[in-house]
N, C-alpha and C. Protein backbone atom coordinates (compact mmCIF):
# COMPACT_ATOMS: atom_id res chain seq x y z
N MET A 1 18.84 -34.71 45.02
CA MET A 1 18.03 -33.52 44.94
C MET A 1 16.83 -33.65 45.85
N THR A 2 16.48 -32.55 46.44
CA THR A 2 15.32 -32.58 47.32
C THR A 2 14.07 -32.40 46.50
N GLU A 3 12.98 -32.69 47.14
CA GLU A 3 11.69 -32.58 46.45
C GLU A 3 11.37 -31.13 46.13
N GLU A 4 11.79 -30.21 46.97
CA GLU A 4 11.52 -28.79 46.74
C GLU A 4 12.27 -28.28 45.51
N SER A 5 13.52 -28.71 45.32
CA SER A 5 14.29 -28.27 44.15
C SER A 5 13.72 -28.89 42.87
N LYS A 6 13.16 -30.09 42.98
CA LYS A 6 12.52 -30.70 41.80
C LYS A 6 11.30 -29.89 41.39
N LYS A 7 10.54 -29.38 42.37
CA LYS A 7 9.36 -28.57 42.07
C LYS A 7 9.78 -27.25 41.42
N VAL A 8 10.87 -26.66 41.92
CA VAL A 8 11.37 -25.41 41.34
C VAL A 8 11.81 -25.65 39.90
N ASP A 9 12.55 -26.76 39.67
CA ASP A 9 12.98 -27.09 38.32
C ASP A 9 11.78 -27.33 37.40
N ALA A 10 10.79 -28.06 37.89
CA ALA A 10 9.59 -28.33 37.09
C ALA A 10 8.85 -27.03 36.81
N GLY A 11 8.77 -26.14 37.81
CA GLY A 11 8.11 -24.85 37.61
C GLY A 11 8.86 -23.99 36.61
N LEU A 12 10.19 -24.03 36.65
CA LEU A 12 11.00 -23.27 35.72
C LEU A 12 10.81 -23.78 34.30
N PHE A 13 10.84 -25.09 34.14
CA PHE A 13 10.65 -25.66 32.80
C PHE A 13 9.24 -25.38 32.29
N THR A 14 8.27 -25.42 33.15
CA THR A 14 6.89 -25.11 32.75
C THR A 14 6.79 -23.66 32.32
N SER A 15 7.44 -22.76 33.07
CA SER A 15 7.43 -21.34 32.71
C SER A 15 8.12 -21.11 31.37
N LEU A 16 9.26 -21.75 31.17
CA LEU A 16 9.97 -21.61 29.89
C LEU A 16 9.14 -22.18 28.74
N LYS A 17 8.49 -23.28 28.99
CA LYS A 17 7.63 -23.90 27.97
C LYS A 17 6.48 -22.95 27.62
N ASN A 18 5.85 -22.37 28.63
CA ASN A 18 4.75 -21.43 28.40
C ASN A 18 5.25 -20.18 27.68
N LEU A 19 6.43 -19.69 28.08
CA LEU A 19 7.00 -18.51 27.45
C LEU A 19 7.30 -18.77 25.98
N SER A 20 7.88 -19.92 25.69
CA SER A 20 8.18 -20.23 24.29
C SER A 20 6.89 -20.43 23.48
N ALA A 21 5.89 -21.02 24.07
CA ALA A 21 4.61 -21.19 23.36
C ALA A 21 3.98 -19.83 23.08
N THR A 22 4.06 -18.92 24.05
CA THR A 22 3.51 -17.58 23.85
C THR A 22 4.29 -16.84 22.76
N PHE A 23 5.61 -16.97 22.79
CA PHE A 23 6.44 -16.32 21.78
C PHE A 23 6.12 -16.85 20.38
N ILE A 24 5.97 -18.15 20.26
CA ILE A 24 5.64 -18.74 18.96
C ILE A 24 4.26 -18.27 18.49
N ALA A 25 3.32 -18.16 19.41
CA ALA A 25 1.98 -17.68 19.04
C ALA A 25 2.03 -16.23 18.58
N ILE A 26 2.83 -15.41 19.25
CA ILE A 26 2.97 -14.00 18.85
C ILE A 26 3.59 -13.89 17.47
N VAL A 27 4.65 -14.65 17.23
CA VAL A 27 5.31 -14.62 15.92
C VAL A 27 4.35 -15.11 14.84
N HIS A 28 3.61 -16.16 15.14
CA HIS A 28 2.64 -16.68 14.16
C HIS A 28 1.58 -15.63 13.83
N THR A 29 1.09 -14.96 14.85
CA THR A 29 0.07 -13.93 14.64
C THR A 29 0.62 -12.79 13.80
N ARG A 30 1.84 -12.36 14.10
CA ARG A 30 2.43 -11.25 13.35
C ARG A 30 2.71 -11.64 11.90
N LEU A 31 3.17 -12.84 11.69
CA LEU A 31 3.40 -13.29 10.31
C LEU A 31 2.09 -13.41 9.53
N ASP A 32 1.05 -13.86 10.21
CA ASP A 32 -0.26 -13.94 9.56
C ASP A 32 -0.76 -12.55 9.21
N LEU A 33 -0.55 -11.59 10.09
CA LEU A 33 -0.95 -10.21 9.82
C LEU A 33 -0.13 -9.63 8.67
N LEU A 34 1.14 -9.96 8.62
CA LEU A 34 1.99 -9.50 7.53
C LEU A 34 1.53 -10.10 6.20
N ARG A 35 1.17 -11.37 6.21
CA ARG A 35 0.68 -12.03 4.99
C ARG A 35 -0.62 -11.37 4.52
N THR A 36 -1.49 -11.06 5.47
CA THR A 36 -2.76 -10.41 5.12
C THR A 36 -2.50 -9.03 4.53
N ASP A 37 -1.56 -8.28 5.12
CA ASP A 37 -1.22 -6.96 4.58
C ASP A 37 -0.68 -7.07 3.16
N LEU A 38 0.18 -8.06 2.92
CA LEU A 38 0.72 -8.24 1.57
C LEU A 38 -0.38 -8.57 0.56
N GLU A 39 -1.30 -9.43 0.95
CA GLU A 39 -2.40 -9.78 0.04
C GLU A 39 -3.28 -8.57 -0.24
N GLU A 40 -3.58 -7.78 0.78
CA GLU A 40 -4.41 -6.59 0.57
C GLU A 40 -3.71 -5.60 -0.35
N GLU A 41 -2.42 -5.37 -0.13
CA GLU A 41 -1.67 -4.44 -0.97
C GLU A 41 -1.60 -4.94 -2.41
N ARG A 42 -1.41 -6.25 -2.58
CA ARG A 42 -1.34 -6.81 -3.93
C ARG A 42 -2.67 -6.65 -4.66
N LEU A 43 -3.78 -6.94 -3.96
CA LEU A 43 -5.10 -6.79 -4.58
C LEU A 43 -5.40 -5.33 -4.90
N ARG A 44 -5.04 -4.45 -3.98
CA ARG A 44 -5.27 -3.02 -4.21
C ARG A 44 -4.46 -2.54 -5.40
N LEU A 45 -3.21 -2.96 -5.50
CA LEU A 45 -2.36 -2.55 -6.61
C LEU A 45 -2.87 -3.11 -7.93
N MET A 46 -3.28 -4.37 -7.94
CA MET A 46 -3.79 -4.97 -9.17
C MET A 46 -5.05 -4.26 -9.66
N SER A 47 -5.99 -4.00 -8.75
CA SER A 47 -7.22 -3.32 -9.17
C SER A 47 -6.94 -1.89 -9.61
N LEU A 48 -6.00 -1.23 -8.94
CA LEU A 48 -5.65 0.13 -9.32
C LEU A 48 -5.01 0.16 -10.70
N LEU A 49 -4.11 -0.78 -10.97
CA LEU A 49 -3.47 -0.84 -12.28
C LEU A 49 -4.48 -1.16 -13.38
N LEU A 50 -5.37 -2.11 -13.12
CA LEU A 50 -6.36 -2.46 -14.13
C LEU A 50 -7.28 -1.28 -14.44
N MET A 51 -7.78 -0.64 -13.39
CA MET A 51 -8.64 0.53 -13.62
C MET A 51 -7.88 1.64 -14.32
N GLY A 52 -6.63 1.82 -13.95
CA GLY A 52 -5.82 2.87 -14.58
C GLY A 52 -5.60 2.62 -16.06
N PHE A 53 -5.25 1.39 -16.41
CA PHE A 53 -5.02 1.09 -17.82
C PHE A 53 -6.29 1.19 -18.66
N VAL A 54 -7.38 0.68 -18.14
CA VAL A 54 -8.65 0.76 -18.88
C VAL A 54 -9.09 2.21 -19.03
N SER A 55 -8.99 2.99 -17.97
CA SER A 55 -9.41 4.39 -18.06
C SER A 55 -8.49 5.17 -19.00
N LEU A 56 -7.19 4.90 -18.95
CA LEU A 56 -6.27 5.58 -19.87
C LEU A 56 -6.57 5.23 -21.32
N PHE A 57 -6.85 3.98 -21.57
CA PHE A 57 -7.18 3.58 -22.94
C PHE A 57 -8.44 4.30 -23.43
N CYS A 58 -9.48 4.28 -22.62
CA CYS A 58 -10.74 4.93 -23.02
C CYS A 58 -10.56 6.43 -23.20
N LEU A 59 -9.84 7.05 -22.28
CA LEU A 59 -9.61 8.49 -22.40
C LEU A 59 -8.78 8.83 -23.64
N CYS A 60 -7.77 8.04 -23.91
CA CYS A 60 -6.94 8.30 -25.08
C CYS A 60 -7.73 8.17 -26.38
N VAL A 61 -8.50 7.13 -26.48
CA VAL A 61 -9.32 6.95 -27.69
C VAL A 61 -10.31 8.11 -27.84
N GLY A 62 -10.97 8.45 -26.74
CA GLY A 62 -11.93 9.56 -26.79
C GLY A 62 -11.29 10.88 -27.13
N VAL A 63 -10.14 11.16 -26.58
CA VAL A 63 -9.45 12.43 -26.85
C VAL A 63 -8.97 12.48 -28.29
N VAL A 64 -8.46 11.38 -28.80
CA VAL A 64 -8.00 11.36 -30.20
C VAL A 64 -9.17 11.61 -31.14
N PHE A 65 -10.29 10.95 -30.90
CA PHE A 65 -11.46 11.19 -31.77
C PHE A 65 -11.98 12.61 -31.64
N PHE A 66 -11.96 13.16 -30.46
CA PHE A 66 -12.41 14.54 -30.27
C PHE A 66 -11.47 15.51 -30.98
N ALA A 67 -10.17 15.26 -30.90
CA ALA A 67 -9.21 16.13 -31.59
C ALA A 67 -9.39 16.05 -33.09
N ILE A 68 -9.61 14.84 -33.58
CA ILE A 68 -9.85 14.68 -35.02
C ILE A 68 -11.11 15.43 -35.43
N LEU A 69 -12.15 15.34 -34.61
CA LEU A 69 -13.40 16.05 -34.90
C LEU A 69 -13.17 17.55 -35.00
N ILE A 70 -12.45 18.12 -34.06
CA ILE A 70 -12.20 19.57 -34.07
C ILE A 70 -11.36 19.97 -35.28
N VAL A 71 -10.31 19.21 -35.57
CA VAL A 71 -9.45 19.54 -36.71
C VAL A 71 -10.23 19.43 -38.02
N VAL A 72 -11.02 18.39 -38.18
CA VAL A 72 -11.80 18.24 -39.42
C VAL A 72 -12.86 19.34 -39.54
N ALA A 73 -13.47 19.72 -38.41
CA ALA A 73 -14.50 20.76 -38.47
C ALA A 73 -13.92 22.12 -38.86
N LEU A 74 -12.71 22.41 -38.46
CA LEU A 74 -12.10 23.72 -38.73
C LEU A 74 -10.95 23.65 -39.73
N TRP A 75 -10.92 22.62 -40.57
CA TRP A 75 -9.81 22.40 -41.48
C TRP A 75 -9.65 23.54 -42.49
N ASP A 76 -10.71 24.04 -43.00
CA ASP A 76 -10.63 25.05 -44.06
C ASP A 76 -10.21 26.42 -43.55
N THR A 77 -10.51 26.75 -42.29
CA THR A 77 -10.27 28.12 -41.84
C THR A 77 -9.01 28.27 -40.98
N HIS A 78 -8.91 27.53 -39.92
CA HIS A 78 -7.82 27.74 -38.95
C HIS A 78 -7.13 26.43 -38.57
N ARG A 79 -6.68 25.67 -39.54
CA ARG A 79 -6.15 24.34 -39.22
C ARG A 79 -4.89 24.39 -38.36
N LEU A 80 -3.97 25.32 -38.59
CA LEU A 80 -2.75 25.38 -37.77
C LEU A 80 -3.06 25.84 -36.34
N ALA A 81 -3.94 26.78 -36.20
CA ALA A 81 -4.31 27.24 -34.86
C ALA A 81 -5.00 26.13 -34.07
N VAL A 82 -5.86 25.40 -34.75
CA VAL A 82 -6.57 24.30 -34.07
C VAL A 82 -5.59 23.20 -33.68
N LEU A 83 -4.69 22.82 -34.59
CA LEU A 83 -3.71 21.78 -34.27
C LEU A 83 -2.80 22.21 -33.11
N GLY A 84 -2.37 23.45 -33.09
CA GLY A 84 -1.55 23.98 -32.00
C GLY A 84 -2.31 24.01 -30.69
N SER A 85 -3.57 24.41 -30.74
CA SER A 85 -4.39 24.46 -29.52
C SER A 85 -4.63 23.06 -28.96
N VAL A 86 -4.95 22.12 -29.83
CA VAL A 86 -5.19 20.75 -29.39
C VAL A 86 -3.91 20.17 -28.78
N ALA A 87 -2.77 20.40 -29.40
CA ALA A 87 -1.49 19.91 -28.87
C ALA A 87 -1.20 20.54 -27.51
N GLY A 88 -1.44 21.85 -27.38
CA GLY A 88 -1.23 22.54 -26.11
C GLY A 88 -2.13 22.00 -25.00
N ILE A 89 -3.38 21.74 -25.34
CA ILE A 89 -4.32 21.18 -24.36
C ILE A 89 -3.86 19.80 -23.91
N PHE A 90 -3.41 18.98 -24.86
CA PHE A 90 -2.91 17.64 -24.50
C PHE A 90 -1.69 17.72 -23.58
N LEU A 91 -0.77 18.61 -23.92
CA LEU A 91 0.43 18.75 -23.09
C LEU A 91 0.08 19.26 -21.69
N LEU A 92 -0.81 20.21 -21.59
CA LEU A 92 -1.22 20.74 -20.30
C LEU A 92 -1.94 19.68 -19.46
N ALA A 93 -2.85 18.95 -20.09
CA ALA A 93 -3.57 17.88 -19.38
C ALA A 93 -2.59 16.79 -18.92
N GLY A 94 -1.63 16.45 -19.77
CA GLY A 94 -0.64 15.44 -19.40
C GLY A 94 0.20 15.89 -18.21
N ALA A 95 0.61 17.14 -18.20
CA ALA A 95 1.41 17.66 -17.09
C ALA A 95 0.61 17.68 -15.79
N ILE A 96 -0.64 18.09 -15.86
CA ILE A 96 -1.49 18.13 -14.67
C ILE A 96 -1.73 16.72 -14.13
N LEU A 97 -2.05 15.79 -15.02
CA LEU A 97 -2.27 14.41 -14.59
C LEU A 97 -1.01 13.77 -14.03
N CYS A 98 0.13 14.08 -14.59
CA CYS A 98 1.39 13.55 -14.07
C CYS A 98 1.65 14.07 -12.66
N SER A 99 1.43 15.36 -12.43
CA SER A 99 1.64 15.91 -11.08
C SER A 99 0.64 15.33 -10.08
N LEU A 100 -0.60 15.10 -10.52
CA LEU A 100 -1.58 14.47 -9.63
C LEU A 100 -1.19 13.04 -9.28
N ALA A 101 -0.66 12.31 -10.26
CA ALA A 101 -0.23 10.93 -10.00
C ALA A 101 0.93 10.90 -9.02
N ILE A 102 1.88 11.81 -9.18
CA ILE A 102 3.02 11.87 -8.25
C ILE A 102 2.56 12.22 -6.85
N ARG A 103 1.65 13.17 -6.72
CA ARG A 103 1.13 13.55 -5.41
C ARG A 103 0.36 12.39 -4.76
N THR A 104 -0.40 11.66 -5.56
CA THR A 104 -1.13 10.50 -5.04
C THR A 104 -0.17 9.42 -4.54
N LEU A 105 0.90 9.18 -5.28
CA LEU A 105 1.88 8.19 -4.85
C LEU A 105 2.57 8.61 -3.55
N LYS A 106 2.81 9.92 -3.38
CA LYS A 106 3.47 10.39 -2.16
C LYS A 106 2.56 10.31 -0.94
N THR A 107 1.24 10.40 -1.14
CA THR A 107 0.31 10.40 -0.01
C THR A 107 -0.33 9.04 0.24
N MET A 108 0.14 8.00 -0.46
CA MET A 108 -0.41 6.66 -0.24
C MET A 108 -0.07 6.20 1.17
N PRO A 109 -0.96 5.40 1.78
CA PRO A 109 -0.64 4.89 3.12
C PRO A 109 0.57 3.98 3.06
N ARG A 110 1.30 3.96 4.18
CA ARG A 110 2.50 3.14 4.24
C ARG A 110 2.14 1.66 4.15
N MET A 111 3.03 0.92 3.51
CA MET A 111 2.83 -0.51 3.42
C MET A 111 3.11 -1.14 4.78
N PHE A 112 2.36 -2.14 5.14
CA PHE A 112 2.49 -2.87 6.41
C PHE A 112 2.19 -1.99 7.62
N GLU A 113 1.32 -1.02 7.46
CA GLU A 113 1.02 -0.09 8.55
C GLU A 113 0.42 -0.83 9.75
N ALA A 114 -0.50 -1.75 9.51
CA ALA A 114 -1.12 -2.49 10.62
C ALA A 114 -0.09 -3.39 11.32
N SER A 115 0.77 -4.02 10.56
CA SER A 115 1.80 -4.87 11.16
C SER A 115 2.75 -4.06 12.01
N LEU A 116 3.16 -2.92 11.48
CA LEU A 116 4.08 -2.08 12.24
C LEU A 116 3.42 -1.55 13.52
N ALA A 117 2.14 -1.24 13.45
CA ALA A 117 1.44 -0.76 14.65
C ALA A 117 1.37 -1.87 15.70
N GLU A 118 1.10 -3.09 15.29
CA GLU A 118 1.05 -4.20 16.23
C GLU A 118 2.42 -4.48 16.84
N LEU A 119 3.45 -4.42 16.03
CA LEU A 119 4.80 -4.63 16.55
C LEU A 119 5.19 -3.52 17.53
N SER A 120 4.77 -2.31 17.25
CA SER A 120 5.03 -1.20 18.16
C SER A 120 4.31 -1.40 19.49
N LYS A 121 3.07 -1.89 19.43
CA LYS A 121 2.34 -2.17 20.67
C LYS A 121 3.04 -3.28 21.46
N ASP A 122 3.53 -4.30 20.76
CA ASP A 122 4.27 -5.37 21.44
C ASP A 122 5.51 -4.82 22.12
N GLN A 123 6.23 -3.94 21.42
CA GLN A 123 7.44 -3.35 21.98
C GLN A 123 7.12 -2.55 23.24
N LYS A 124 6.04 -1.78 23.19
CA LYS A 124 5.66 -0.99 24.37
C LYS A 124 5.27 -1.89 25.54
N GLN A 125 4.57 -2.96 25.25
CA GLN A 125 4.19 -3.88 26.32
C GLN A 125 5.41 -4.55 26.93
N LEU A 126 6.39 -4.93 26.10
CA LEU A 126 7.62 -5.52 26.63
C LEU A 126 8.41 -4.51 27.47
N ASP A 127 8.47 -3.27 26.99
CA ASP A 127 9.17 -2.24 27.75
C ASP A 127 8.48 -2.00 29.10
N HIS A 128 7.16 -1.98 29.06
CA HIS A 128 6.39 -1.76 30.29
C HIS A 128 6.58 -2.92 31.27
N ALA A 129 6.63 -4.15 30.74
CA ALA A 129 6.84 -5.32 31.59
C ALA A 129 8.24 -5.30 32.21
N GLU A 130 9.24 -4.85 31.45
CA GLU A 130 10.59 -4.78 31.98
C GLU A 130 10.72 -3.71 33.06
N LYS A 131 10.00 -2.59 32.90
CA LYS A 131 10.05 -1.53 33.90
C LYS A 131 9.39 -1.94 35.20
N GLN A 132 8.40 -2.81 35.11
CA GLN A 132 7.71 -3.27 36.32
C GLN A 132 8.60 -4.20 37.13
N LYS A 133 9.54 -4.87 36.51
CA LYS A 133 10.40 -5.83 37.23
C LYS A 133 11.37 -5.13 38.07
């Protein structure tokens, strides 16, 4: 082998080595971003569930005591009307809150949005690099 072909081979191996190192760094960065997204989503979900359960408990206890107060206050005169009204209010509030919860779930941001955006940018850069060749 001539000295010139040895330099070409060494340059090729160096390029492949650099390319593989860059590829490994990109994959590492994307996996780290994915891990961060998962942790953020987990923390957001845990705090949302905790706040939801505590608020539901407090609201339920408060509503039950308020309903009892109204029924006891009007027991002698209009007990059936009061019980029917309180039940109707509970059913209406439950239906409204259920529809709000469903709408909130539908409008939540997509999971892994940042990771997908970065992968899309990588794809565009690779496509652009291929077009330049």
